[in-house]
Amino acid sequence: MLGTMYRFRLKLSTVGVYCANNGRKIAEVIPKGAELTTTDADVGDPSADRRKLIAVEWQGRPFAVFLVDLLDRGDQVRQAGG
């Protein structure tokens, strides 16, 4: 069962690591205004380690970003339970 879906819109660009199908990891700049989604429960946990990488999706592709970057550079725009 999926957890809560969190959606963020970036106020500032940030770097994400794209996790390609062949296993390659490719650093990409995710631009200001991009919408990222995640089901990582640490997004809603104020005691979570903000230095950890979390899985997000941007434009249908899997990325990893630091929790601190998502929280500091993004605004939560919607939350839907799952």
N, C-alpha and C. Protein backbone atom coordinates (compact mmCIF):
# COMPACT_ATOMS: atom_id res chain seq x y z
N MET A 1 0.83 -1.18 0.00
CA MET A 1 0.00 0.00 0.00
C MET A 1 0.88 1.24 0.00
N LEU A 2 0.55 2.18 -0.83
CA LEU A 2 1.31 3.42 -0.89
C LEU A 2 0.98 4.30 0.30
N GLY A 3 1.99 5.11 0.68
CA GLY A 3 1.78 6.06 1.76
C GLY A 3 1.21 7.36 1.21
N THR A 4 1.37 8.39 1.99
CA THR A 4 0.89 9.71 1.60
C THR A 4 1.73 10.25 0.45
N MET A 5 1.08 10.85 -0.53
CA MET A 5 1.77 11.47 -1.66
C MET A 5 1.98 12.94 -1.33
N TYR A 6 3.24 13.38 -1.41
CA TYR A 6 3.58 14.78 -1.19
C TYR A 6 4.00 15.39 -2.53
N ARG A 7 3.55 16.61 -2.79
CA ARG A 7 3.89 17.31 -4.03
C ARG A 7 4.50 18.66 -3.66
N PHE A 8 5.63 18.96 -4.28
CA PHE A 8 6.34 20.21 -4.04
C PHE A 8 6.62 20.93 -5.36
N ARG A 9 6.55 22.26 -5.33
CA ARG A 9 6.96 23.09 -6.46
C ARG A 9 8.22 23.82 -6.02
N LEU A 10 9.28 23.71 -6.82
CA LEU A 10 10.55 24.33 -6.46
C LEU A 10 10.51 25.84 -6.62
N LYS A 11 11.00 26.54 -5.59
CA LYS A 11 11.16 27.99 -5.62
C LYS A 11 12.52 28.35 -6.19
N LEU A 12 13.47 27.42 -6.08
CA LEU A 12 14.84 27.57 -6.58
C LEU A 12 15.23 26.26 -7.24
N SER A 13 16.08 26.33 -8.23
CA SER A 13 16.55 25.09 -8.85
C SER A 13 17.40 24.31 -7.85
N THR A 14 17.51 23.02 -8.08
CA THR A 14 18.32 22.16 -7.23
C THR A 14 18.89 21.03 -8.07
N VAL A 15 19.86 20.34 -7.53
CA VAL A 15 20.45 19.21 -8.24
C VAL A 15 19.78 17.93 -7.77
N GLY A 16 19.43 17.10 -8.73
CA GLY A 16 18.89 15.79 -8.43
C GLY A 16 19.71 14.74 -9.15
N VAL A 17 19.67 13.52 -8.67
CA VAL A 17 20.38 12.42 -9.32
C VAL A 17 19.34 11.55 -10.00
N TYR A 18 19.38 11.52 -11.34
CA TYR A 18 18.47 10.69 -12.13
C TYR A 18 18.95 9.26 -12.07
N CYS A 19 18.06 8.35 -11.77
CA CYS A 19 18.37 6.93 -11.65
C CYS A 19 17.90 6.24 -12.93
N ALA A 20 18.78 6.13 -13.90
CA ALA A 20 18.44 5.57 -15.22
C ALA A 20 18.15 4.07 -15.13
N ASN A 21 17.41 3.57 -16.12
CA ASN A 21 17.05 2.15 -16.17
C ASN A 21 18.26 1.23 -16.21
N ASN A 22 19.36 1.68 -16.80
CA ASN A 22 20.56 0.85 -16.91
C ASN A 22 21.43 0.92 -15.66
N GLY A 23 20.95 1.59 -14.60
CA GLY A 23 21.69 1.67 -13.36
C GLY A 23 22.59 2.89 -13.23
N ARG A 24 22.75 3.63 -14.32
CA ARG A 24 23.59 4.83 -14.26
C ARG A 24 22.90 5.89 -13.41
N LYS A 25 23.73 6.67 -12.75
CA LYS A 25 23.26 7.81 -11.97
C LYS A 25 23.77 9.07 -12.67
N ILE A 26 22.86 9.97 -12.99
CA ILE A 26 23.20 11.17 -13.76
C ILE A 26 22.71 12.39 -13.00
N ALA A 27 23.63 13.29 -12.63
CA ALA A 27 23.24 14.52 -11.94
C ALA A 27 22.60 15.47 -12.94
N GLU A 28 21.46 16.03 -12.58
CA GLU A 28 20.75 16.99 -13.42
C GLU A 28 20.27 18.15 -12.57
N VAL A 29 20.22 19.33 -13.16
CA VAL A 29 19.62 20.47 -12.48
C VAL A 29 18.11 20.39 -12.70
N ILE A 30 17.38 20.39 -11.61
CA ILE A 30 15.92 20.43 -11.68
C ILE A 30 15.55 21.90 -11.52
N PRO A 31 14.87 22.49 -12.51
CA PRO A 31 14.68 23.94 -12.53
C PRO A 31 13.62 24.46 -11.56
N LYS A 32 13.75 25.73 -11.26
CA LYS A 32 12.74 26.45 -10.50
C LYS A 32 11.39 26.23 -11.19
N GLY A 33 10.35 26.03 -10.40
CA GLY A 33 9.01 25.80 -10.94
C GLY A 33 8.66 24.35 -11.18
N ALA A 34 9.67 23.47 -11.15
CA ALA A 34 9.41 22.04 -11.35
C ALA A 34 8.56 21.50 -10.21
N GLU A 35 7.68 20.53 -10.53
CA GLU A 35 6.89 19.86 -9.50
C GLU A 35 7.44 18.47 -9.27
N LEU A 36 7.77 18.20 -8.01
CA LEU A 36 8.32 16.91 -7.60
C LEU A 36 7.30 16.22 -6.70
N THR A 37 7.21 14.90 -6.82
CA THR A 37 6.34 14.13 -5.94
C THR A 37 7.16 13.08 -5.22
N THR A 38 6.72 12.73 -4.03
CA THR A 38 7.37 11.69 -3.25
C THR A 38 6.37 11.07 -2.29
N THR A 39 6.63 9.84 -1.88
CA THR A 39 5.85 9.19 -0.84
C THR A 39 6.71 8.95 0.40
N ASP A 40 7.91 9.52 0.42
CA ASP A 40 8.83 9.33 1.55
C ASP A 40 8.22 9.95 2.81
N ALA A 41 8.01 9.12 3.84
CA ALA A 41 7.36 9.58 5.07
C ALA A 41 8.19 10.63 5.80
N ASP A 42 9.51 10.69 5.56
CA ASP A 42 10.34 11.67 6.26
C ASP A 42 9.99 13.10 5.88
N VAL A 43 9.32 13.30 4.76
CA VAL A 43 8.91 14.65 4.36
C VAL A 43 8.01 15.27 5.43
N GLY A 44 7.16 14.47 6.02
CA GLY A 44 6.23 14.97 7.02
C GLY A 44 6.72 14.81 8.46
N ASP A 45 7.98 14.39 8.64
CA ASP A 45 8.52 14.15 9.98
C ASP A 45 9.55 15.22 10.34
N PRO A 46 9.20 16.15 11.23
CA PRO A 46 10.12 17.23 11.57
C PRO A 46 11.41 16.75 12.23
N SER A 47 11.43 15.53 12.77
CA SER A 47 12.64 15.01 13.41
C SER A 47 13.52 14.22 12.44
N ALA A 48 13.14 14.10 11.19
CA ALA A 48 13.90 13.32 10.20
C ALA A 48 15.25 13.97 9.91
N ASP A 49 16.22 13.13 9.55
CA ASP A 49 17.55 13.61 9.16
C ASP A 49 17.44 14.29 7.80
N ARG A 50 17.56 15.59 7.79
CA ARG A 50 17.39 16.37 6.55
C ARG A 50 18.53 16.17 5.56
N ARG A 51 19.59 15.47 5.97
CA ARG A 51 20.74 15.23 5.08
C ARG A 51 20.54 14.01 4.20
N LYS A 52 19.49 13.25 4.44
CA LYS A 52 19.31 12.00 3.69
C LYS A 52 18.78 12.26 2.28
N LEU A 53 19.11 11.34 1.39
CA LEU A 53 18.56 11.36 0.03
C LEU A 53 17.19 10.70 0.07
N ILE A 54 16.24 11.30 -0.64
CA ILE A 54 14.92 10.69 -0.75
C ILE A 54 14.57 10.51 -2.22
N ALA A 55 13.71 9.55 -2.47
CA ALA A 55 13.25 9.27 -3.83
C ALA A 55 12.11 10.22 -4.17
N VAL A 56 12.24 10.87 -5.34
CA VAL A 56 11.19 11.74 -5.86
C VAL A 56 10.96 11.39 -7.31
N GLU A 57 9.88 11.92 -7.86
CA GLU A 57 9.61 11.76 -9.28
C GLU A 57 9.44 13.15 -9.88
N TRP A 58 10.08 13.36 -11.02
CA TRP A 58 9.94 14.62 -11.76
C TRP A 58 9.75 14.27 -13.23
N GLN A 59 8.71 14.76 -13.83
CA GLN A 59 8.38 14.49 -15.24
C GLN A 59 8.36 13.00 -15.54
N GLY A 60 7.84 12.22 -14.57
CA GLY A 60 7.71 10.79 -14.75
C GLY A 60 9.01 10.01 -14.62
N ARG A 61 10.08 10.68 -14.18
CA ARG A 61 11.38 10.01 -14.05
C ARG A 61 11.82 9.98 -12.59
N PRO A 62 12.48 8.88 -12.17
CA PRO A 62 12.91 8.77 -10.77
C PRO A 62 14.21 9.55 -10.52
N PHE A 63 14.19 10.31 -9.43
CA PHE A 63 15.37 11.08 -9.01
C PHE A 63 15.58 10.87 -7.52
N ALA A 64 16.77 11.20 -7.07
CA ALA A 64 17.07 11.29 -5.64
C ALA A 64 17.49 12.73 -5.37
N VAL A 65 16.95 13.32 -4.31
CA VAL A 65 17.34 14.66 -3.88
C VAL A 65 17.50 14.63 -2.37
N PHE A 66 18.26 15.58 -1.86
CA PHE A 66 18.39 15.68 -0.42
C PHE A 66 17.10 16.25 0.16
N LEU A 67 16.67 15.69 1.28
CA LEU A 67 15.46 16.15 1.94
C LEU A 67 15.55 17.64 2.25
N VAL A 68 16.71 18.10 2.71
CA VAL A 68 16.89 19.52 3.03
C VAL A 68 16.63 20.40 1.81
N ASP A 69 17.08 19.97 0.64
CA ASP A 69 16.85 20.76 -0.58
C ASP A 69 15.37 20.82 -0.93
N LEU A 70 14.69 19.69 -0.80
CA LEU A 70 13.26 19.68 -1.12
C LEU A 70 12.49 20.60 -0.17
N LEU A 71 12.80 20.52 1.12
CA LEU A 71 12.06 21.31 2.11
C LEU A 71 12.41 22.79 2.05
N ASP A 72 13.70 23.11 1.82
CA ASP A 72 14.13 24.51 1.82
C ASP A 72 13.88 25.21 0.48
N ARG A 73 13.92 24.47 -0.60
CA ARG A 73 13.79 25.07 -1.94
C ARG A 73 12.43 24.87 -2.57
N GLY A 74 11.55 24.13 -1.89
CA GLY A 74 10.23 23.86 -2.46
C GLY A 74 9.11 24.27 -1.53
N ASP A 75 7.95 24.48 -2.13
CA ASP A 75 6.72 24.72 -1.39
C ASP A 75 5.80 23.53 -1.61
N GLN A 76 5.24 22.99 -0.53
CA GLN A 76 4.29 21.91 -0.68
C GLN A 76 3.01 22.48 -1.28
N VAL A 77 2.55 21.87 -2.37
CA VAL A 77 1.38 22.40 -3.07
C VAL A 77 0.13 21.54 -2.89
N ARG A 78 0.33 20.29 -2.51
CA ARG A 78 -0.84 19.42 -2.35
C ARG A 78 -0.43 18.17 -1.60
N GLN A 79 -1.32 17.64 -0.82
CA GLN A 79 -1.08 16.39 -0.12
C GLN A 79 -2.33 15.55 -0.23
N ALA A 80 -2.19 14.34 -0.75
CA ALA A 80 -3.33 13.45 -0.91
C ALA A 80 -3.00 12.12 -0.26
N GLY A 81 -3.90 11.60 0.57
CA GLY A 81 -3.68 10.32 1.25
C GLY A 81 -3.80 9.15 0.30
N GLY A 82 -3.10 8.10 0.61
CA GLY A 82 -3.13 6.94 -0.26
C GLY A 82 -3.46 5.69 0.43
